[in-house]
Amino acid sequence: MELGGISRISYTPKWNDNRDLPEGERLSLVILPPTAADVLQSGDSEDIYAWRDDLAASERARGVLRGATPSTLRRLRLLITCTTDLRNFTFDGEPVTDPVEVWTRLSVNAWELALEVYGEIDRVSTLTEEQAGNSDSPSDGASSNKTDSATGVEEGAPRKSASTKKEASGS
C-alpha cells in the first residue's frame, strides 16, 4: 500500500479575477500538500510560539508574527510550509518570492487570497495522487504547467522546513 502523498501541485488563485490576466501576470504558486507531521505539529501555543520565534524572517515579518494569535500562527505556518515557487507577487513594485514575506505582507483587502490558498491546501491534503490527476484543470486552480500530464502532479521536489527561507524564481 502506497503511503506517500502528492508531492507538488501548481495552483493559480481565482482571487481578484487573477485567472483572467495574461499568463505572465497571473499570481501562481506551488502547493506542497501537508504531511501528517505538518498537520499534527499544529500543536499547543508553546509549540507555535517556538516556531514563530525560530522562523527566519525579516524584521517586518517578525513584527507581524509577534502580534498574531496561536490560531492565526497555525494557519500561517501551513501557508508558509506548504507553498513555494510564488510568482508575480509584488509589494511596493518589487517581486517577492519568499512565502514568509508574502503571507505576512498581504494587506487586509488581499487576505481573501490567503484564505483561498489555505482552503486549497486543505482540499489537496486529502487527495490521492490519482484524484489530484483527475482534478487538474484551470477551473479549479490547478495548472498543468510543470505537472505530469497523466497525473497532474509535480514530481520529486523536496519539502521545505517551516523554519527555512526558500527563495523561488519570480517575475
C-alpha atoms as a PDB file:
ATOM      1  CA  MET A   1       0.000   0.000   0.000  1.00  0.00           C
ATOM      2  CA  GLU A   2       1.386   3.375  -1.017  1.00  0.00           C
ATOM      3  CA  LEU A   3       1.571   5.712   1.968  1.00  0.00           C
ATOM      4  CA  GLY A   4       3.188   8.724   0.308  1.00  0.00           C
ATOM      5  CA  GLY A   5       1.151  11.672  -0.828  1.00  0.00           C
ATOM      6  CA  ILE A   6       1.138  14.096  -3.681  1.00  0.00           C
ATOM      7  CA  SER A   7       4.461  15.877  -3.963  1.00  0.00           C
ATOM      8  CA  ARG A   8       3.548  19.199  -5.673  1.00  0.00           C
ATOM      9  CA  ILE A   9       0.541  20.857  -7.258  1.00  0.00           C
ATOM     10  CA  SER A  10       0.673  24.032  -9.349  1.00  0.00           C
ATOM     11  CA  TYR A  11      -2.041  26.479  -8.346  1.00  0.00           C
ATOM     12  CA  THR A  12      -3.346  29.684  -9.910  1.00  0.00           C
ATOM     13  CA  PRO A  13      -5.613  31.537  -7.474  1.00  0.00           C
ATOM     14  CA  LYS A  14      -9.072  32.723  -8.522  1.00  0.00           C
ATOM     15  CA  TRP A  15      -8.792  35.791  -6.253  1.00  0.00           C
ATOM     16  CA  ASN A  16      -9.433  39.209  -7.818  1.00  0.00           C
ATOM     17  CA  ASP A  17     -10.010  37.754 -11.320  1.00  0.00           C
ATOM     18  CA  ASN A  18      -6.368  36.628 -11.333  1.00  0.00           C
ATOM     19  CA  ARG A  19      -7.089  33.851 -13.829  1.00  0.00           C
ATOM     20  CA  ASP A  20      -8.347  36.382 -16.379  1.00  0.00           C
ATOM     21  CA  LEU A  21      -4.940  38.097 -16.512  1.00  0.00           C
ATOM     22  CA  PRO A  22      -2.370  37.242 -19.183  1.00  0.00           C
ATOM     23  CA  GLU A  23      -0.400  34.177 -18.107  1.00  0.00           C
ATOM     24  CA  GLY A  24       2.796  36.147 -17.404  1.00  0.00           C
ATOM     25  CA  GLU A  25       0.953  38.448 -14.978  1.00  0.00           C
ATOM     26  CA  ARG A  26      -1.059  35.865 -13.015  1.00  0.00           C
ATOM     27  CA  LEU A  27      -0.241  35.064  -9.427  1.00  0.00           C
ATOM     28  CA  SER A  28       0.736  31.430  -9.199  1.00  0.00           C
ATOM     29  CA  LEU A  29       2.382  29.134  -6.712  1.00  0.00           C
ATOM     30  CA  VAL A  30       3.119  25.523  -5.986  1.00  0.00           C
ATOM     31  CA  ILE A  31       1.381  23.796  -3.114  1.00  0.00           C
ATOM     32  CA  LEU A  32       3.277  21.137  -1.216  1.00  0.00           C
ATOM     33  CA  PRO A  33       0.374  19.235   0.342  1.00  0.00           C
ATOM     34  CA  PRO A  34       0.821  18.917   4.103  1.00  0.00           C
ATOM     35  CA  THR A  35       2.113  15.696   5.510  1.00  0.00           C
ATOM     36  CA  ALA A  36       0.651  14.101   8.613  1.00  0.00           C
ATOM     37  CA  ALA A  37       3.547  15.653  10.541  1.00  0.00           C
ATOM     38  CA  ASP A  38       2.646  19.134   9.241  1.00  0.00           C
ATOM     39  CA  VAL A  39      -0.926  18.738  10.447  1.00  0.00           C
ATOM     40  CA  LEU A  40      -0.054  17.103  13.755  1.00  0.00           C
ATOM     41  CA  GLN A  41       2.507  19.750  14.638  1.00  0.00           C
ATOM     42  CA  SER A  42      -0.254  22.338  14.805  1.00  0.00           C
ATOM     43  CA  GLY A  43       0.293  21.736  18.488  1.00  0.00           C
ATOM     44  CA  ASP A  44      -0.185  23.887  21.507  1.00  0.00           C
ATOM     45  CA  SER A  45       0.509  27.569  21.951  1.00  0.00           C
ATOM     46  CA  GLU A  46       4.023  26.941  23.271  1.00  0.00           C
ATOM     47  CA  ASP A  47       4.918  24.961  20.137  1.00  0.00           C
ATOM     48  CA  ILE A  48       3.523  27.554  17.750  1.00  0.00           C
ATOM     49  CA  TYR A  49       5.301  30.385  19.559  1.00  0.00           C
ATOM     50  CA  ALA A  50       8.588  28.447  19.378  1.00  0.00           C
ATOM     51  CA  TRP A  51       8.057  28.017  15.606  1.00  0.00           C
ATOM     52  CA  ARG A  52       7.369  31.745  15.254  1.00  0.00           C
ATOM     53  CA  ASP A  53      10.483  32.682  17.209  1.00  0.00           C
ATOM     54  CA  ASP A  54      12.721  30.333  15.184  1.00  0.00           C
ATOM     55  CA  LEU A  55      11.400  31.414  11.793  1.00  0.00           C
ATOM     56  CA  ALA A  56      13.922  33.095   9.511  1.00  0.00           C
ATOM     57  CA  ALA A  57      12.096  36.287   8.625  1.00  0.00           C
ATOM     58  CA  SER A  58      12.582  39.989   8.087  1.00  0.00           C
ATOM     59  CA  GLU A  59      12.098  42.376  10.987  1.00  0.00           C
ATOM     60  CA  ARG A  60       8.770  43.460   9.482  1.00  0.00           C
ATOM     61  CA  ALA A  61       7.535  39.851   9.226  1.00  0.00           C
ATOM     62  CA  ARG A  62       8.684  39.085  12.770  1.00  0.00           C
ATOM     63  CA  GLY A  63       6.660  42.085  13.976  1.00  0.00           C
ATOM     64  CA  VAL A  64       3.527  40.809  12.245  1.00  0.00           C
ATOM     65  CA  LEU A  65       4.087  37.310  13.597  1.00  0.00           C
ATOM     66  CA  ARG A  66       4.679  38.568  17.162  1.00  0.00           C
ATOM     67  CA  GLY A  67       1.194  40.097  17.180  1.00  0.00           C
ATOM     68  CA  ALA A  68      -0.607  37.032  15.772  1.00  0.00           C
ATOM     69  CA  THR A  69      -2.786  34.719  17.831  1.00  0.00           C
ATOM     70  CA  PRO A  70      -1.919  30.997  18.048  1.00  0.00           C
ATOM     71  CA  SER A  71      -4.815  30.207  15.693  1.00  0.00           C
ATOM     72  CA  THR A  72      -3.531  32.664  13.074  1.00  0.00           C
ATOM     73  CA  LEU A  73       0.030  31.391  13.512  1.00  0.00           C
ATOM     74  CA  ARG A  74      -1.134  27.814  12.839  1.00  0.00           C
ATOM     75  CA  ARG A  75      -2.706  28.919   9.558  1.00  0.00           C
ATOM     76  CA  LEU A  76       0.351  30.976   8.626  1.00  0.00           C
ATOM     77  CA  ARG A  77       2.612  28.010   9.377  1.00  0.00           C
ATOM     78  CA  LEU A  78       0.708  25.872   6.865  1.00  0.00           C
ATOM     79  CA  LEU A  79       0.732  28.676   4.269  1.00  0.00           C
ATOM     80  CA  ILE A  80       4.479  29.177   4.728  1.00  0.00           C
ATOM     81  CA  THR A  81       5.391  25.492   4.921  1.00  0.00           C
ATOM     82  CA  CYS A  82       3.128  24.316   2.107  1.00  0.00           C
ATOM     83  CA  THR A  83       3.767  26.946  -0.587  1.00  0.00           C
ATOM     84  CA  THR A  84       6.756  27.544  -2.810  1.00  0.00           C
ATOM     85  CA  ASP A  85       7.579  28.932  -6.268  1.00  0.00           C
ATOM     86  CA  LEU A  86       5.416  32.027  -5.705  1.00  0.00           C
ATOM     87  CA  ARG A  87       5.275  34.023  -8.934  1.00  0.00           C
ATOM     88  CA  ASN A  88       4.144  37.573  -9.693  1.00  0.00           C
ATOM     89  CA  PHE A  89       3.625  38.568  -6.053  1.00  0.00           C
ATOM     90  CA  THR A  90       4.767  42.191  -5.802  1.00  0.00           C
ATOM     91  CA  PHE A  91       4.923  44.636  -2.923  1.00  0.00           C
ATOM     92  CA  ASP A  92       5.886  48.272  -3.465  1.00  0.00           C
ATOM     93  CA  GLY A  93       6.735  47.393  -7.067  1.00  0.00           C
ATOM     94  CA  GLU A  94       9.247  44.700  -6.101  1.00  0.00           C
ATOM     95  CA  PRO A  95       8.725  40.962  -6.688  1.00  0.00           C
ATOM     96  CA  VAL A  96       8.603  38.886  -3.511  1.00  0.00           C
ATOM     97  CA  THR A  97       9.025  35.109  -3.701  1.00  0.00           C
ATOM     98  CA  ASP A  98       9.632  34.148  -0.077  1.00  0.00           C
ATOM     99  CA  PRO A  99       6.471  32.613   1.449  1.00  0.00           C
ATOM    100  CA  VAL A 100       7.197  34.177   4.856  1.00  0.00           C
ATOM    101  CA  GLU A 101       7.337  37.643   3.329  1.00  0.00           C
ATOM    102  CA  VAL A 102       4.349  37.135   1.023  1.00  0.00           C
ATOM    103  CA  TRP A 103       1.984  35.770   3.664  1.00  0.00           C
ATOM    104  CA  THR A 104       2.972  38.342   6.297  1.00  0.00           C
ATOM    105  CA  ARG A 105       2.839  41.353   3.952  1.00  0.00           C
ATOM    106  CA  LEU A 106      -0.652  40.921   2.498  1.00  0.00           C
ATOM    107  CA  SER A 107      -2.948  43.873   3.017  1.00  0.00           C
ATOM    108  CA  VAL A 108      -6.299  43.325   4.690  1.00  0.00           C
ATOM    109  CA  ASN A 109      -8.104  43.543   1.335  1.00  0.00           C
ATOM    110  CA  ALA A 110      -5.849  40.783  -0.044  1.00  0.00           C
ATOM    111  CA  TRP A 111      -6.387  38.431   2.894  1.00  0.00           C
ATOM    112  CA  GLU A 112      -9.039  36.568   0.878  1.00  0.00           C
ATOM    113  CA  LEU A 113      -6.142  35.381  -1.287  1.00  0.00           C
ATOM    114  CA  ALA A 114      -4.506  33.757   1.744  1.00  0.00           C
ATOM    115  CA  LEU A 115      -7.813  32.162   2.735  1.00  0.00           C
ATOM    116  CA  GLU A 116      -8.264  30.780  -0.778  1.00  0.00           C
ATOM    117  CA  VAL A 117      -4.780  29.244  -0.818  1.00  0.00           C
ATOM    118  CA  TYR A 118      -5.251  27.894   2.720  1.00  0.00           C
ATOM    119  CA  GLY A 119      -8.507  26.280   1.577  1.00  0.00           C
ATOM    120  CA  GLU A 120      -6.748  24.721  -1.405  1.00  0.00           C
ATOM    121  CA  ILE A 121      -4.001  23.346   0.857  1.00  0.00           C
ATOM    122  CA  ASP A 122      -6.719  21.785   2.995  1.00  0.00           C
ATOM    123  CA  ARG A 123      -8.509  20.397  -0.078  1.00  0.00           C
ATOM    124  CA  VAL A 124      -5.434  18.780  -1.612  1.00  0.00           C
ATOM    125  CA  SER A 125      -4.280  17.343   1.711  1.00  0.00           C
ATOM    126  CA  THR A 126      -6.974  14.690   1.426  1.00  0.00           C
ATOM    127  CA  LEU A 127      -6.488  13.780  -2.251  1.00  0.00           C
ATOM    128  CA  THR A 128      -4.735  10.711  -3.523  1.00  0.00           C
ATOM    129  CA  GLU A 129      -2.317  11.166  -6.413  1.00  0.00           C
ATOM    130  CA  GLU A 130      -4.933   9.691  -8.760  1.00  0.00           C
ATOM    131  CA  GLN A 131      -7.618  12.138  -7.575  1.00  0.00           C
ATOM    132  CA  ALA A 132      -5.259  15.068  -7.992  1.00  0.00           C
ATOM    133  CA  GLY A 133      -4.669  13.995 -11.586  1.00  0.00           C
ATOM    134  CA  ASN A 134      -8.413  13.955 -12.178  1.00  0.00           C
ATOM    135  CA  SER A 135      -8.839  17.483 -10.796  1.00  0.00           C
ATOM    136  CA  ASP A 136      -6.018  19.061 -12.820  1.00  0.00           C
ATOM    137  CA  SER A 137      -7.825  21.817 -14.674  1.00  0.00           C
ATOM    138  CA  PRO A 138      -7.595  25.611 -14.738  1.00  0.00           C
ATOM    139  CA  SER A 139     -11.161  25.857 -13.437  1.00  0.00           C
ATOM    140  CA  ASP A 140     -10.171  24.536 -10.002  1.00  0.00           C
ATOM    141  CA  GLY A 141      -6.863  26.371  -9.737  1.00  0.00           C
ATOM    142  CA  ALA A 142      -4.512  23.600 -10.680  1.00  0.00           C
ATOM    143  CA  SER A 143      -2.263  24.337 -13.614  1.00  0.00           C
ATOM    144  CA  SER A 144      -0.821  21.788 -15.968  1.00  0.00           C
ATOM    145  CA  ASN A 145       2.428  23.771 -16.082  1.00  0.00           C
ATOM    146  CA  LYS A 146       5.218  21.653 -14.630  1.00  0.00           C
ATOM    147  CA  THR A 147       2.931  18.706 -13.983  1.00  0.00           C
ATOM    148  CA  ASP A 148       2.900  15.182 -15.282  1.00  0.00           C
ATOM    149  CA  SER A 149       0.146  15.172 -17.899  1.00  0.00           C
ATOM    150  CA  ALA A 150      -1.030  11.749 -16.744  1.00  0.00           C
ATOM    151  CA  THR A 151      -1.320  12.569 -13.056  1.00  0.00           C
ATOM    152  CA  GLY A 152      -1.384  16.364 -12.763  1.00  0.00           C
ATOM    153  CA  VAL A 153       1.255  16.045 -10.053  1.00  0.00           C
ATOM    154  CA  GLU A 154       4.711  17.580  -9.965  1.00  0.00           C
ATOM    155  CA  GLU A 155       7.357  15.070  -9.097  1.00  0.00           C
ATOM    156  CA  GLY A 156      10.341  14.944  -6.822  1.00  0.00           C
ATOM    157  CA  ALA A 157      10.526  18.340  -5.161  1.00  0.00           C
ATOM    158  CA  PRO A 158      11.766  18.200  -1.600  1.00  0.00           C
ATOM    159  CA  ARG A 159       9.573  19.736   1.089  1.00  0.00           C
ATOM    160  CA  LYS A 160      10.962  22.748   2.846  1.00  0.00           C
ATOM    161  CA  SER A 161      11.168  23.203   6.573  1.00  0.00           C
ATOM    162  CA  ALA A 162       8.901  25.798   8.129  1.00  0.00           C
ATOM    163  CA  SER A 163      11.979  27.463   9.587  1.00  0.00           C
ATOM    164  CA  THR A 164      13.893  27.763   6.322  1.00  0.00           C
ATOM    165  CA  LYS A 165      13.563  30.693   3.966  1.00  0.00           C
ATOM    166  CA  LYS A 166      13.002  29.407   0.437  1.00  0.00           C
ATOM    167  CA  GLU A 167      13.742  31.673  -2.479  1.00  0.00           C
ATOM    168  CA  ALA A 168      11.932  30.765  -5.658  1.00  0.00           C
ATOM    169  CA  SER A 169      12.216  32.192  -9.109  1.00  0.00           C
ATOM    170  CA  GLY A 170       9.919  35.150  -9.514  1.00  0.00           C
ATOM    171  CA  SER A 171       8.920  37.546 -12.222  1.00  0.00           C
END
